[in-house]
Protein backbone atom coordinates (compact mmCIF):
# COMPACT_ATOMS: atom_id res chain seq x y z
CA MET A 1 131.23 95.48 92.12
CA THR A 2 135.40 96.38 92.11
CA LYS A 3 136.73 97.07 89.24
CA ILE A 4 140.52 95.62 88.56
CA LEU A 5 142.64 96.72 85.42
CA CYS A 6 145.18 94.29 85.00
CA VAL A 7 148.37 95.64 82.61
CA ASP A 8 150.81 93.29 81.19
CA ASP A 9 152.01 92.71 77.55
CA GLU A 10 151.80 89.00 77.95
CA PRO A 11 148.28 87.80 76.95
CA LEU A 12 148.87 84.34 79.02
CA ASN A 13 149.56 86.61 82.13
CA LEU A 14 146.18 88.47 81.73
CA GLU A 15 144.39 85.62 81.09
CA LEU A 16 145.68 84.07 84.36
CA LEU A 17 144.84 87.01 86.30
CA GLU A 18 141.36 87.18 85.15
CA ALA A 19 140.79 83.45 85.65
CA LEU A 20 142.07 84.12 89.27
CA LEU A 21 140.03 87.20 90.22
CA THR A 22 136.79 87.09 88.30
CA PRO A 23 135.54 83.68 90.40
CA ALA A 24 136.41 85.90 93.27
CA GLY A 25 133.66 88.43 92.49
CA TYR A 26 135.87 91.12 90.77
CA GLU A 27 135.42 92.56 87.22
CA VAL A 28 138.55 92.37 85.51
CA LEU A 29 139.55 95.03 82.41
CA ARG A 30 142.44 94.05 80.29
CA ALA A 31 145.61 96.30 78.90
CA GLU A 32 148.50 95.10 76.67
CA SER A 33 150.65 98.17 76.82
CA GLY A 34 151.43 101.17 79.25
CA GLY A 35 149.63 103.30 76.79
CA LYS A 36 146.13 101.51 76.47
CA ALA A 37 146.40 101.14 80.57
CA LEU A 38 146.49 104.99 80.97
CA ALA A 39 143.49 105.24 78.53
CA ALA A 40 141.44 102.77 80.20
CA ILE A 41 142.29 104.33 83.74
CA ARG A 42 141.16 107.52 82.35
CA ALA A 43 137.78 106.18 80.70
CA GLU A 44 136.80 103.66 83.30
CA SER A 45 138.27 104.95 86.68
CA PRO A 46 139.02 101.51 88.03
CA ASP A 47 139.41 100.81 91.83
CA LEU A 48 142.42 99.05 91.48
CA VAL A 49 145.45 98.49 89.02
CA LEU A 50 147.88 95.22 88.74
CA LEU A 51 150.80 96.70 86.56
CA ASP A 52 153.81 94.70 85.19
CA VAL A 53 156.60 96.39 85.48
CA MET A 54 158.75 94.81 82.42
CA MET A 55 156.89 96.41 79.45
CA PRO A 56 158.00 97.40 75.82
CA GLY A 57 157.36 101.12 75.36
CA LEU A 58 156.05 102.70 78.33
CA SER A 59 157.31 100.84 81.52
CA GLY A 60 155.39 99.98 84.72
CA TYR A 61 157.38 102.68 86.11
CA ASP A 62 156.50 105.19 83.48
CA VAL A 63 152.83 104.35 83.79
CA LEU A 64 152.76 104.73 87.56
CA LYS A 65 154.26 108.05 87.50
CA GLN A 66 151.94 109.34 84.89
CA ILE A 67 149.05 108.16 86.99
CA ARG A 68 150.62 109.93 90.13
CA GLY A 69 151.22 112.83 88.30
CA ASP A 70 147.67 113.32 87.20
CA LYS A 71 145.20 114.66 89.74
CA THR A 72 142.08 113.16 88.61
CA ILE A 73 143.83 109.29 88.82
CA ARG A 74 146.49 109.96 91.21
CA ASP A 75 144.46 108.34 94.11
CA ILE A 76 144.02 104.88 92.38
CA PRO A 77 145.69 102.28 94.34
CA VAL A 78 148.50 100.32 92.11
CA VAL A 79 150.13 96.95 92.59
CA MET A 80 153.30 96.42 90.84
CA VAL A 81 153.18 92.76 89.25
CA THR A 82 157.38 91.68 88.97
CA ALA A 83 159.67 88.92 88.69
CA LEU A 84 162.44 91.39 90.22
CA LYS A 85 163.17 90.78 93.63
CA GLU A 86 166.29 93.27 94.31
CA VAL A 87 165.81 95.78 97.17
CA GLU A 88 166.65 98.70 94.90
CA ASP A 89 163.97 97.41 92.52
CA ARG A 90 161.36 97.73 95.17
CA VAL A 91 162.51 101.47 96.21
CA ASN A 92 162.56 102.56 93.13
CA ALA A 93 158.58 101.22 92.59
CA LEU A 94 157.90 102.82 96.21
CA GLU A 95 159.54 106.06 95.36
CA ALA A 96 157.52 106.11 91.94
CA GLY A 97 154.20 105.71 94.29
CA CYS A 98 152.93 102.21 94.18
CA ASP A 99 151.10 100.73 96.96
CA ASP A 100 152.17 96.94 97.06
CA PHE A 101 153.95 94.50 95.16
CA ILE A 102 153.27 90.84 93.92
CA SER A 103 155.62 88.34 92.50
CA LYS A 104 155.49 86.47 89.39
CA PRO A 105 154.64 83.22 89.12
CA PHE A 106 151.20 84.26 91.03
CA GLU A 107 150.22 82.61 94.10
CA LYS A 108 146.38 82.56 94.37
CA ASN A 109 145.81 83.28 97.90
CA GLU A 110 148.67 86.15 98.17
CA LEU A 111 147.14 87.91 95.31
CA LEU A 112 143.44 87.60 96.53
CA ALA A 113 144.58 88.72 100.01
CA ARG A 114 146.45 91.74 98.53
CA VAL A 115 143.63 92.94 96.09
CA LYS A 116 141.03 92.50 98.68
CA SER A 117 143.14 94.62 101.22
CA LEU A 118 143.57 97.59 98.77
CA ALA A 119 140.31 97.38 97.31
CA ARG A 120 138.66 97.64 100.94
CA MET A 121 141.18 100.89 101.17
CA ARG A 122 139.88 102.14 98.01
CA TYR A 123 136.30 101.63 99.08
CA PHE A 124 136.75 103.61 102.42
CA SER A 125 138.79 106.38 100.70
CA ARG A 126 136.00 106.83 98.18
CA GLN A 127 133.44 106.64 101.23
CA LEU A 128 135.68 109.36 103.10
CA ASP A 129 136.12 111.71 99.73
CA GLU A 130 131.98 111.38 99.31
CA LYS A 131 131.35 112.16 102.83
CA GLU A 132 133.48 115.50 102.41
CA LYS A 133 131.87 116.45 99.12
CA PHE A 134 128.49 115.73 100.81
CA ALA A 135 129.43 117.98 103.85
CA SER A 136 130.32 120.85 101.93
CA VAL A 137 126.89 120.75 99.83
CA LEU A 138 125.42 120.39 103.09
CA ASN A 139 127.26 123.71 104.22
CA GLN A 140 126.25 125.98 101.33
CA LEU A 141 122.32 124.90 101.66
CA ASP A 142 119.98 127.74 103.14
CA GLU A 143 117.70 124.79 104.27
CA GLY A 144 118.44 122.75 107.25
CA LEU A 145 119.29 119.01 106.72
CA ILE A 146 119.95 116.13 108.77
CA VAL A 147 120.59 112.53 108.62
CA LEU A 148 119.49 110.26 111.42
CA ASP A 149 120.95 106.76 111.98
CA ASP A 150 118.37 103.92 112.85
CA LYS A 151 118.03 105.25 116.41
CA PHE A 152 117.49 108.51 115.27
CA GLY A 153 120.83 109.85 116.20
CA VAL A 154 122.40 112.64 114.25
CA ILE A 155 125.34 111.53 111.96
CA ALA A 156 125.17 114.38 109.77
CA HIS A 157 123.97 117.79 109.69
CA ASN A 158 124.62 121.39 108.35
CA PRO A 159 124.59 124.46 110.26
CA PRO A 160 121.16 125.83 109.17
CA ALA A 161 119.79 122.47 110.61
CA LEU A 162 121.35 123.28 114.22
CA GLU A 163 120.39 126.69 114.09
CA LEU A 164 116.98 126.57 113.06
CA LEU A 165 116.39 123.92 116.08
CA GLY A 166 118.01 125.78 118.52
CA ILE A 167 120.41 123.36 119.07
CA GLU A 168 124.17 124.07 120.35
CA PRO A 169 127.06 121.90 118.17
CA ALA A 170 128.20 120.56 121.55
CA LYS A 171 124.89 119.42 122.83
CA ILE A 172 123.26 117.58 120.09
CA PRO A 173 120.82 115.17 121.32
CA ALA A 174 121.17 111.19 121.03
CA ASP A 175 117.71 110.92 119.85
CA LEU A 176 116.53 113.93 117.73
CA ILE A 177 113.02 112.98 117.76
CA GLU A 178 112.69 112.97 121.30
CA TYR A 179 113.99 116.50 121.14
CA LEU A 180 111.57 117.52 118.69
CA ARG A 181 108.88 116.37 120.66
CA GLY A 182 109.91 118.31 123.87
CA SER A 183 110.92 121.40 122.08
CA PHE A 184 108.22 121.91 119.54
CA MET A 185 104.62 121.26 118.68
CA VAL A 186 104.40 118.51 116.55
CA HIS A 187 101.47 118.56 113.81
CA TYR A 188 101.41 114.82 113.43
CA GLN A 189 99.08 112.65 115.53
CA GLY A 190 100.29 109.36 114.46
CA ASP A 191 103.03 107.36 115.95
CA LEU A 192 105.94 109.68 114.81
CA ALA A 193 109.06 107.14 115.10
CA ALA A 194 106.95 104.50 113.29
CA GLY A 195 105.57 106.89 110.66
CA LEU A 196 109.08 108.44 109.61
CA ARG A 197 110.73 104.97 109.38
CA SER A 198 107.53 103.71 106.77
CA GLU A 199 107.29 106.67 104.60
CA ASN A 200 107.91 110.14 103.58
CA LEU A 201 106.27 112.63 105.63
CA THR A 202 105.73 116.30 105.68
CA PHE A 203 104.47 118.36 108.76
CA ASP A 204 104.96 121.55 110.65
CA LEU A 205 106.93 121.94 113.70
CA GLU A 206 105.65 125.20 115.62
CA ARG A 207 107.01 126.84 118.86
CA SER A 208 105.47 129.35 120.45
CA ALA A 209 106.86 133.06 120.90
CA THR A 210 108.41 133.68 124.58
CA GLU A 211 109.76 136.75 126.07
CA THR A 212 113.05 135.75 124.62
CA CYS A 213 112.60 134.29 121.06
CA LYS A 214 109.92 134.98 118.40
CA GLU A 215 107.44 132.51 117.20
CA LEU A 216 108.86 129.75 114.91
CA ILE A 217 107.28 127.49 112.43
CA LEU A 218 109.37 125.07 110.25
CA GLU A 219 108.31 122.58 107.39
CA LEU A 220 110.05 119.28 107.95
CA ARG A 221 110.24 116.63 105.40
CA SER A 222 111.33 113.50 105.80
CA SER A 223 113.02 110.88 103.33
CA ALA A 224 113.51 107.09 104.76
CA LEU A 225 116.54 105.39 103.18
CA LYS A 226 115.61 101.91 102.78
CA PRO A 227 118.99 100.03 102.37
CA PRO A 228 119.32 96.53 101.63
CA GLU A 229 118.95 93.68 103.93
CA GLY A 230 120.83 93.89 106.98
CA GLU A 231 122.26 97.30 106.30
CA PRO A 232 121.90 100.26 108.90
CA PHE A 233 118.37 102.36 108.44
CA ASN A 234 119.12 106.10 107.63
CA LEU A 235 116.83 109.00 107.54
CA VAL A 236 117.03 112.31 105.87
CA LEU A 237 114.87 115.35 107.40
CA THR A 238 114.78 118.69 105.31
CA LEU A 239 113.75 121.55 107.40
CA ARG A 240 112.56 125.16 105.87
CA ASN A 241 111.57 128.25 108.24
CA VAL A 242 107.80 128.83 106.97
CA THR A 243 106.78 131.18 109.81
CA ALA A 244 106.38 134.06 107.60
CA LYS A 245 104.35 131.97 105.23
CA ARG A 246 101.87 130.27 108.12
CA LEU A 247 101.35 133.41 109.55
CA GLN A 248 100.01 135.22 106.55
CA ASP A 249 97.88 131.90 106.04
CA ARG A 250 96.65 132.58 109.54
CA GLN A 251 95.59 136.36 108.62
CA VAL A 252 93.88 135.41 105.63
CA TRP A 253 91.83 132.81 107.74
CA VAL A 254 91.24 135.54 110.40
CA PHE A 255 90.04 137.73 107.25
CA MET A 256 87.86 135.09 106.29
CA ASP A 257 86.27 134.33 109.73
CA THR A 258 85.38 137.74 110.40
CA ILE A 259 83.80 138.28 107.03
CA SER A 260 81.88 135.29 107.11
CA HIS A 261 80.73 136.09 110.73
CA LYS A 262 79.71 139.45 109.61
CA LEU A 263 77.78 138.42 106.54
CA ARG A 264 76.23 135.30 108.58
CA SER A 265 73.98 137.58 110.76
CA PRO A 266 72.32 139.60 107.93
CA LEU A 267 72.22 136.20 105.83
CA THR A 268 70.38 134.79 108.62
CA GLY A 269 67.84 137.40 108.56
CA ILE A 270 67.24 137.14 104.69
CA ILE A 271 66.61 133.44 104.85
CA GLY A 272 64.56 133.85 107.78
CA GLN A 273 62.21 136.63 105.97
CA GLY A 274 62.54 134.52 102.75
CA ALA A 275 60.96 131.46 104.50
CA ILE A 276 58.00 133.64 105.79
CA LEU A 277 57.64 134.79 102.34
CA LYS A 278 57.82 131.66 100.60
CA GLN A 279 55.42 130.00 102.87
CA GLY A 280 53.01 132.67 102.25
CA PHE A 281 52.91 134.30 106.10
CA ALA A 282 53.25 137.60 104.94
CA GLY A 283 50.24 137.10 102.41
CA PRO A 284 49.61 135.62 99.20
CA LEU A 285 52.05 136.01 96.28
CA ALA A 286 51.43 136.47 92.54
CA PRO A 287 52.83 133.53 90.75
CA GLU A 288 56.08 135.31 89.23
CA GLN A 289 56.52 137.17 93.10
CA GLN A 290 56.55 133.30 94.42
CA LYS A 291 59.10 132.17 91.68
CA SER A 292 61.42 135.35 92.63
CA VAL A 293 61.03 134.63 96.21
CA GLU A 294 61.71 131.09 96.23
CA THR A 295 65.01 131.62 93.93
CA ILE A 296 66.16 134.29 96.63
CA TYR A 297 65.40 132.01 99.33
CA ASP A 298 67.23 129.02 97.89
CA GLN A 299 70.35 130.88 96.94
CA SER A 300 70.68 132.53 100.23
CA LEU A 301 70.96 128.91 101.58
CA LYS A 302 73.59 128.02 99.07
CA LEU A 303 75.26 131.23 100.36
CA SER A 304 75.03 130.29 104.01
CA GLU A 305 76.42 126.58 102.88
CA LEU A 306 79.40 128.29 101.33
CA LEU A 307 80.18 130.56 104.33
CA ASN A 308 79.62 127.54 107.07
CA LYS A 309 82.29 125.83 104.75
CA ILE A 310 84.73 128.81 105.03
CA LEU A 311 84.12 128.78 109.16
CA LYS A 312 84.84 125.06 109.23
CA PHE A 313 87.90 125.47 107.55
CA VAL A 314 89.15 128.07 109.45
CA GLU A 315 88.13 126.19 112.59
CA LEU A 316 90.21 123.46 111.61
CA THR A 317 92.94 125.36 110.59
CA SER A 318 93.18 127.27 113.96
CA GLU A 319 92.61 124.25 116.00
CA SER A 320 95.37 122.00 113.73
CA GLY A 321 93.68 118.67 114.51
CA GLN A 322 93.90 119.02 118.08
CA LEU A 323 90.34 117.91 119.10
CA PRO A 324 89.96 115.45 121.39
CA ASN A 325 89.49 112.04 120.17
CA GLU A 326 86.88 109.74 121.21
CA ASN A 327 86.47 105.80 121.32
CA MET A 328 84.19 104.71 118.55
CA GLU A 329 82.71 101.60 116.89
CA LEU A 330 83.62 102.81 113.27
CA ALA A 331 81.04 100.59 111.47
CA LYS A 332 78.39 102.06 113.27
CA ALA A 333 79.71 105.77 113.09
CA ILE A 334 80.18 105.25 109.45
CA ARG A 335 76.57 103.98 108.60
CA GLU A 336 75.03 107.03 110.86
CA ILE A 337 77.09 109.78 109.30
CA GLY A 338 77.05 108.15 105.85
CA GLU A 339 73.00 107.68 105.85
CA ALA A 340 72.73 111.37 107.26
CA ALA A 341 75.12 113.07 104.54
CA ALA A 342 73.16 110.93 101.88
CA GLY A 343 69.94 111.79 103.19
CA GLU A 344 70.66 115.66 102.60
CA VAL A 345 71.40 115.71 99.09
CA ALA A 346 68.69 117.44 97.54
CA GLY A 347 67.00 116.78 94.20
CA LYS A 348 69.27 113.61 93.66
CA LYS A 349 68.30 109.68 94.27
CA VAL A 350 71.42 108.14 96.40
CA GLU A 351 72.23 104.58 97.09
CA LEU A 352 74.64 103.95 99.91
CA LYS A 353 76.32 100.84 100.37
CA ILE A 354 78.30 100.54 103.60
CA ASP A 355 80.68 97.75 103.94
CA SER A 356 82.72 97.69 107.32
CA GLU A 357 84.24 95.51 109.92
CA SER A 358 83.73 95.95 113.41
CA ILE A 359 86.62 98.18 114.30
CA ALA A 360 87.21 99.73 117.74
CA ALA A 361 88.69 103.34 116.67
CA ARG A 362 89.79 106.35 118.11
CA LEU A 363 89.13 108.98 116.20
CA ASN A 364 87.33 112.61 116.30
CA ARG A 365 83.54 112.64 115.38
CA LYS A 366 83.44 115.74 114.12
CA HIS A 367 86.58 115.00 111.73
CA LEU A 368 84.93 111.61 110.37
CA GLU A 369 81.94 113.36 109.51
CA LEU A 370 83.75 116.12 107.91
CA ILE A 371 85.75 113.45 105.64
CA LEU A 372 82.64 111.58 104.98
CA ASN A 373 80.19 114.41 104.25
CA ASN A 374 82.58 116.08 101.78
CA LEU A 375 83.26 112.57 99.88
CA ILE A 376 79.84 112.08 99.86
CA GLU A 377 78.92 115.45 98.84
CA ASN A 378 81.61 115.06 95.63
CA ALA A 379 80.36 111.71 94.68
CA VAL A 380 76.60 113.37 94.31
CA LYS A 381 77.43 116.47 92.92
CA PHE A 382 79.74 115.24 90.14
CA ASN A 383 77.37 112.38 89.39
CA ASP A 384 75.17 112.56 86.55
CA ARG A 385 73.47 108.74 87.00
CA ASP A 386 70.08 107.94 88.59
CA PRO A 387 70.75 106.64 91.37
CA ALA A 388 74.29 107.96 92.40
CA VAL A 389 75.66 104.76 93.92
CA ILE A 390 78.03 105.53 96.76
CA GLY A 391 80.39 102.75 98.52
CA ILE A 392 81.73 103.28 101.87
CA SER A 393 84.12 100.76 103.07
CA ALA A 394 86.43 100.41 106.31
CA THR A 395 89.03 97.54 107.00
CA GLN A 396 91.54 97.35 109.83
CA THR A 397 95.21 96.57 108.65
CA ALA A 398 98.46 95.77 110.23
CA GLY A 399 99.38 99.46 110.04
CA GLY A 400 95.92 100.89 111.08
CA ILE A 401 92.79 101.69 109.15
CA THR A 402 91.97 102.02 105.58
CA LEU A 403 88.96 103.94 104.93
CA LYS A 404 87.47 104.04 101.02
CA VAL A 405 84.54 106.10 99.40
CA ALA A 406 83.98 104.84 96.04
CA ASP A 407 80.99 106.19 93.32
CA ASN A 408 79.85 105.48 90.01
CA GLY A 409 80.00 109.39 88.76
CA ARG A 410 81.77 110.90 85.57
CA GLY A 411 85.31 110.81 86.97
CA ILE A 412 87.99 113.06 87.43
CA PRO A 413 90.35 114.00 84.49
CA PRO A 414 93.88 112.86 85.01
CA GLU A 415 95.43 116.17 84.72
CA ASP A 416 93.04 117.36 87.43
CA GLN A 417 93.69 114.60 90.17
CA GLY A 418 97.00 115.97 91.35
CA ASN A 419 95.30 119.29 92.06
CA ILE A 420 91.95 118.49 93.74
CA PHE A 421 93.23 118.63 97.28
CA GLU A 422 94.73 121.99 96.96
CA LYS A 423 92.66 125.03 98.71
CA PHE A 424 90.09 126.78 96.12
CA TYR A 425 90.81 124.15 93.18
CA GLN A 426 87.58 123.62 91.42
CA VAL A 427 87.25 120.67 89.04
CA GLU A 428 83.55 121.42 88.11
CA LYS A 429 84.88 124.77 86.82
CA TYR A 430 86.36 123.01 83.93
CA VAL A 431 84.28 119.73 83.61
CA THR A 432 80.63 121.24 83.82
CA GLY A 433 81.05 124.62 83.71
CA ASN A 434 79.56 125.32 87.06
CA VAL A 435 80.96 126.57 90.31
CA GLU A 436 78.63 125.67 93.14
CA GLY A 437 81.73 125.56 95.45
CA ILE A 438 84.52 127.18 96.47
CA GLY A 439 87.06 124.43 96.33
CA LEU A 440 87.49 123.60 99.97
CA GLY A 441 85.70 120.45 100.67
CA LEU A 442 88.87 118.14 99.57
CA ALA A 443 91.36 120.64 101.15
CA LEU A 444 89.52 120.27 104.35
CA VAL A 445 89.57 116.45 104.40
CA LYS A 446 93.20 116.36 103.58
CA ARG A 447 93.92 118.82 106.48
CA VAL A 448 92.34 116.54 108.87
CA VAL A 449 93.95 113.21 107.37
CA ASN A 450 97.29 114.89 107.68
CA ASP A 451 96.52 115.66 111.22
CA TYR A 452 96.15 112.06 112.04
CA GLY A 453 99.28 111.22 110.48
CA GLY A 454 97.51 109.26 107.45
CA LYS A 455 97.55 110.03 103.46
CA ILE A 456 94.64 110.24 101.14
CA SER A 457 94.76 109.18 97.22
CA VAL A 458 92.45 108.98 94.40
CA LYS A 459 92.04 106.73 91.77
CA SER A 460 89.34 107.51 88.86
CA THR A 461 88.40 106.75 85.52
CA ILE A 462 86.30 108.91 83.25
CA GLY A 463 82.89 107.47 82.90
CA GLN A 464 83.31 105.02 85.45
CA GLY A 465 83.83 106.55 88.61
CA THR A 466 86.21 107.56 91.42
CA GLU A 467 87.78 105.97 94.64
CA PHE A 468 89.14 107.89 97.57
CA THR A 469 91.42 106.27 99.70
CA ILE A 470 92.39 107.20 103.21
CA GLU A 471 95.04 105.29 105.24
CA LEU A 472 95.08 106.32 109.00
CA PRO A 473 97.75 104.92 111.33
CA ALA A 474 96.77 102.59 114.14
């Protein structure tokens, strides 16, 4: 709301100004002297001052001179309110720095018109000042920052942003999103324009190395600014060069891949020979020998499973969600995958409840299997009830598909819920004392969901169970 300070030593004049301005939507402040006016201006920073000329003590001219002499308040518009009509008096007021005049007695329409005009000038002046401050901050940032309009045109940027994107200042594209699609591999599988408009996103932009430039990987974070109804949409993009970090991650995954393959061959031999001994094909064993062989065999199988998870994570990391998608009937696929996953859980009774609409979806079967297998495995592993009840539902929404996996397990502590999707984070270490996995399952699920342009969330109550919700775009 526009704030107007009215200054007059006559209370009736102040009441009249307030009666005229308040119904027009202005916030009215009052001051009965020049000294109080200066104090109110410094404390309240009004958008406009209506200043009476003839006042005892500090006159309107004196107040105006002090306003214009103070750099913190000198830009506030001042309208001199006077009964004086001589040219000389108006010249003196202009020389003191007033922006306009209005004569007593007040004429309502004239007063409101002048106030509206100067209030708008003050608004645009402030906007320009804020824009200049904003530009100054942008230019000092190391990260790239770009502000886009509702058609994805650039309306503000800092130099690092153009440098990171390889854009010349004189050749800024009309549609930045189209430029990104054409110049980078965009690690986002959904409708990018729709996703940017509807929610905050984080994904990578990748440019392969050429003879003239090195490989470049940028992390892009978006923030959609949703203004009031009827106001233009704006989008803020933050760009950060993460090439070194991503390449280091790749080296880690290559190392893990190499080690996993190196370990797989001897481990396969151990499992095979363990099976021969366990089943008695190499001759009878004493009870204690049989027990030891079974332990070796079981632990070898667990180690093999861990290696498979590492290899799967490395595989998905290198593919980055680029496996070809296929048309599928989602309810049928969920039932097939869910029943197979639940049937593979050893030593625990599982009750599977599937509730899915008939939905024609375009997904990668491997990805859907990975999502459901990991969520079902967690639902059983962290469940001390018999049976472990797991509910899977899929519904079609206006924005895409919502998939939910819920269980009746012990629940996830609140302090762990923000970390469970991080690589190598293990809840069971703190909840049960056991560390059966390596903390890649949910990280894998999140990676796949992010590659589809979706999001995953969790709700959990200790002693009641956990529900994971996955939202995939259409």
